[in-house]
Amino acid sequence: MVVQHDEIKKLLKGNNLDSTNEWIVYGTKGERGYWIALSDRGVTMLPVAQQGNLTGEIIPFDNQKIKSIALKKSILSNKLIIVDTKNKKHVLKVATRHLGNKHHHEDFLKIIEKYKK
């Protein structure tokens, strides 16, 4: 089960995808849930079920594969938009808070600061 920042960072480190400063938030793309780790190395998406269990392969986007990252904030939803070098858009609805994760909202605010469009 992967819910807390420490667990997510441990999993990233075990897959050589960790960084010194990761901002981790929960988001959805369609019906799938993801823990999304943004760092100076790029973006890593961990597909998870609602209970926090990993449901598939970890999806890394290193900086060479990313063209742009933006956060569109509105009253109804917050969308993290990642455009890769093939011009494919990956749009994820990002939660402002996540029940059970103590650091989610703090990281969400840092992402707004850096990527808000």
C-alpha atoms as a PDB file:
ATOM      1  CA  MET A   1       0.000   0.000   0.000  1.00  0.00           C
ATOM      2  CA  VAL A   2       1.417   3.379  -1.048  1.00  0.00           C
ATOM      3  CA  VAL A   3      -0.246   6.394   0.606  1.00  0.00           C
ATOM      4  CA  GLN A   4       2.272   8.479   2.568  1.00  0.00           C
ATOM      5  CA  HIS A   5       5.076  10.577   1.083  1.00  0.00           C
ATOM      6  CA  ASP A   6       7.746   8.453   2.791  1.00  0.00           C
ATOM      7  CA  GLU A   7       6.366   5.282   1.176  1.00  0.00           C
ATOM      8  CA  ILE A   8       6.217   6.932  -2.247  1.00  0.00           C
ATOM      9  CA  LYS A   9       9.765   8.296  -1.924  1.00  0.00           C
ATOM     10  CA  LYS A  10      11.026   4.857  -0.848  1.00  0.00           C
ATOM     11  CA  LEU A  11       9.396   3.287  -3.909  1.00  0.00           C
ATOM     12  CA  LEU A  12      10.903   5.951  -6.203  1.00  0.00           C
ATOM     13  CA  LYS A  13      14.336   5.434  -4.635  1.00  0.00           C
ATOM     14  CA  GLY A  14      14.046   1.667  -5.108  1.00  0.00           C
ATOM     15  CA  ASN A  15      13.487   2.295  -8.827  1.00  0.00           C
ATOM     16  CA  ASN A  16      16.271   4.930  -9.121  1.00  0.00           C
ATOM     17  CA  LEU A  17      13.671   7.644  -9.802  1.00  0.00           C
ATOM     18  CA  ASP A  18      14.165   9.690  -6.652  1.00  0.00           C
ATOM     19  CA  SER A  19      15.348  13.266  -6.347  1.00  0.00           C
ATOM     20  CA  THR A  20      16.269  15.571  -3.494  1.00  0.00           C
ATOM     21  CA  ASN A  21      13.102  17.658  -3.822  1.00  0.00           C
ATOM     22  CA  GLU A  22       9.944  15.921  -4.964  1.00  0.00           C
ATOM     23  CA  TRP A  23       6.473  17.348  -4.805  1.00  0.00           C
ATOM     24  CA  ILE A  24       3.953  14.544  -4.657  1.00  0.00           C
ATOM     25  CA  VAL A  25       0.232  14.879  -5.342  1.00  0.00           C
ATOM     26  CA  TYR A  26      -2.650  12.561  -6.170  1.00  0.00           C
ATOM     27  CA  GLY A  27      -4.406  12.879  -9.496  1.00  0.00           C
ATOM     28  CA  THR A  28      -6.672  11.018 -11.880  1.00  0.00           C
ATOM     29  CA  LYS A  29      -6.654  10.465 -15.614  1.00  0.00           C
ATOM     30  CA  GLY A  30     -10.013   9.089 -16.618  1.00  0.00           C
ATOM     31  CA  GLU A  31     -10.837   6.348 -14.126  1.00  0.00           C
ATOM     32  CA  ARG A  32      -7.213   5.675 -13.128  1.00  0.00           C
ATOM     33  CA  GLY A  33      -5.585   7.136 -10.037  1.00  0.00           C
ATOM     34  CA  TYR A  34      -1.930   8.167  -9.866  1.00  0.00           C
ATOM     35  CA  TRP A  35       0.561   9.451  -7.376  1.00  0.00           C
ATOM     36  CA  ILE A  36       2.425  12.097  -9.357  1.00  0.00           C
ATOM     37  CA  ALA A  37       5.953  13.026  -8.289  1.00  0.00           C
ATOM     38  CA  LEU A  38       7.347  16.209  -9.833  1.00  0.00           C
ATOM     39  CA  SER A  39      11.044  16.906  -9.326  1.00  0.00           C
ATOM     40  CA  ASP A  40      14.082  18.453 -10.935  1.00  0.00           C
ATOM     41  CA  ARG A  41      14.576  15.111 -12.772  1.00  0.00           C
ATOM     42  CA  GLY A  42      11.118  15.095 -14.360  1.00  0.00           C
ATOM     43  CA  VAL A  43       7.715  13.595 -13.605  1.00  0.00           C
ATOM     44  CA  THR A  44       6.957  10.094 -12.356  1.00  0.00           C
ATOM     45  CA  MET A  45       3.441   8.645 -12.296  1.00  0.00           C
ATOM     46  CA  LEU A  46       2.598   5.703 -10.050  1.00  0.00           C
ATOM     47  CA  PRO A  47      -0.736   4.069 -10.979  1.00  0.00           C
ATOM     48  CA  VAL A  48      -2.681   3.160  -7.846  1.00  0.00           C
ATOM     49  CA  ALA A  49      -6.084   1.845  -6.833  1.00  0.00           C
ATOM     50  CA  GLN A  50      -8.214   3.907  -4.452  1.00  0.00           C
ATOM     51  CA  GLN A  51      -6.849   1.931  -1.507  1.00  0.00           C
ATOM     52  CA  GLY A  52      -3.278   2.881  -2.480  1.00  0.00           C
ATOM     53  CA  ASN A  53      -2.141  -0.414  -4.026  1.00  0.00           C
ATOM     54  CA  LEU A  54       0.065  -0.144  -7.117  1.00  0.00           C
ATOM     55  CA  THR A  55      -1.903  -1.301 -10.160  1.00  0.00           C
ATOM     56  CA  GLY A  56       0.655  -1.125 -12.934  1.00  0.00           C
ATOM     57  CA  GLU A  57       4.070  -0.081 -14.151  1.00  0.00           C
ATOM     58  CA  ILE A  58       5.644   3.134 -12.875  1.00  0.00           C
ATOM     59  CA  ILE A  59       5.625   5.741 -15.674  1.00  0.00           C
ATOM     60  CA  PRO A  60       8.715   7.985 -15.677  1.00  0.00           C
ATOM     61  CA  PHE A  61       9.065  11.121 -17.815  1.00  0.00           C
ATOM     62  CA  ASP A  62      12.586  12.478 -17.508  1.00  0.00           C
ATOM     63  CA  ASN A  63      13.197  16.108 -18.454  1.00  0.00           C
ATOM     64  CA  GLN A  64      14.342  15.143 -21.969  1.00  0.00           C
ATOM     65  CA  LYS A  65      10.867  13.685 -22.654  1.00  0.00           C
ATOM     66  CA  ILE A  66       8.931  16.707 -21.337  1.00  0.00           C
ATOM     67  CA  LYS A  67       8.179  19.736 -23.471  1.00  0.00           C
ATOM     68  CA  SER A  68       6.110  21.611 -20.872  1.00  0.00           C
ATOM     69  CA  ILE A  69       4.271  21.323 -17.564  1.00  0.00           C
ATOM     70  CA  ALA A  70       1.396  23.584 -16.542  1.00  0.00           C
ATOM     71  CA  LEU A  71      -1.262  23.668 -13.853  1.00  0.00           C
ATOM     72  CA  LYS A  72      -4.664  25.099 -14.754  1.00  0.00           C
ATOM     73  CA  LYS A  73      -6.552  25.992 -11.607  1.00  0.00           C
ATOM     74  CA  SER A  74     -10.282  26.654 -11.602  1.00  0.00           C
ATOM     75  CA  ILE A  75     -13.131  26.631  -9.113  1.00  0.00           C
ATOM     76  CA  LEU A  76     -14.258  23.149 -10.146  1.00  0.00           C
ATOM     77  CA  SER A  77     -10.976  21.370 -10.822  1.00  0.00           C
ATOM     78  CA  ASN A  78      -7.212  21.606 -11.051  1.00  0.00           C
ATOM     79  CA  LYS A  79      -5.541  20.108 -14.104  1.00  0.00           C
ATOM     80  CA  LEU A  80      -1.889  19.231 -14.402  1.00  0.00           C
ATOM     81  CA  ILE A  81      -0.971  19.235 -18.084  1.00  0.00           C
ATOM     82  CA  ILE A  82       2.221  17.516 -19.176  1.00  0.00           C
ATOM     83  CA  VAL A  83       3.161  17.793 -22.847  1.00  0.00           C
ATOM     84  CA  ASP A  84       5.813  15.345 -24.004  1.00  0.00           C
ATOM     85  CA  THR A  85       8.282  15.847 -26.851  1.00  0.00           C
ATOM     86  CA  LYS A  86       5.906  14.014 -29.225  1.00  0.00           C
ATOM     87  CA  ASN A  87       3.304  16.738 -28.448  1.00  0.00           C
ATOM     88  CA  LYS A  88       1.081  14.242 -26.627  1.00  0.00           C
ATOM     89  CA  LYS A  89      -0.845  15.864 -23.771  1.00  0.00           C
ATOM     90  CA  HIS A  90      -1.232  14.034 -20.493  1.00  0.00           C
ATOM     91  CA  VAL A  91      -4.007  15.777 -18.551  1.00  0.00           C
ATOM     92  CA  LEU A  92      -4.566  14.776 -14.936  1.00  0.00           C
ATOM     93  CA  LYS A  93      -7.114  16.158 -12.506  1.00  0.00           C
ATOM     94  CA  VAL A  94      -5.197  16.919  -9.334  1.00  0.00           C
ATOM     95  CA  ALA A  95      -6.699  16.953  -5.865  1.00  0.00           C
ATOM     96  CA  THR A  96      -5.929  19.880  -3.554  1.00  0.00           C
ATOM     97  CA  ARG A  97      -5.859  17.499  -0.586  1.00  0.00           C
ATOM     98  CA  HIS A  98      -5.730  13.744  -0.098  1.00  0.00           C
ATOM     99  CA  LEU A  99      -7.177  12.081   2.974  1.00  0.00           C
ATOM    100  CA  GLY A 100      -4.467  10.112   4.742  1.00  0.00           C
ATOM    101  CA  ASN A 101      -1.517  11.994   3.240  1.00  0.00           C
ATOM    102  CA  LYS A 102      -0.099  14.655   5.548  1.00  0.00           C
ATOM    103  CA  HIS A 103       2.068  16.489   2.994  1.00  0.00           C
ATOM    104  CA  HIS A 104      -0.237  16.522  -0.051  1.00  0.00           C
ATOM    105  CA  HIS A 105      -1.694  20.021   0.342  1.00  0.00           C
ATOM    106  CA  GLU A 106       1.707  21.545   1.112  1.00  0.00           C
ATOM    107  CA  ASP A 107       3.171  20.037  -2.088  1.00  0.00           C
ATOM    108  CA  PHE A 108       0.079  21.066  -4.070  1.00  0.00           C
ATOM    109  CA  LEU A 109       0.672  24.701  -3.068  1.00  0.00           C
ATOM    110  CA  LYS A 110       4.318  24.456  -4.187  1.00  0.00           C
ATOM    111  CA  ILE A 111       3.216  23.065  -7.559  1.00  0.00           C
ATOM    112  CA  ILE A 112       0.768  25.957  -7.982  1.00  0.00           C
ATOM    113  CA  GLU A 113       3.600  28.395  -7.274  1.00  0.00           C
ATOM    114  CA  LYS A 114       5.840  26.870  -9.919  1.00  0.00           C
ATOM    115  CA  TYR A 115       3.473  25.726 -12.692  1.00  0.00           C
ATOM    116  CA  LYS A 116       0.277  27.816 -12.498  1.00  0.00           C
ATOM    117  CA  LYS A 117      -0.774  29.116 -15.893  1.00  0.00           C
END
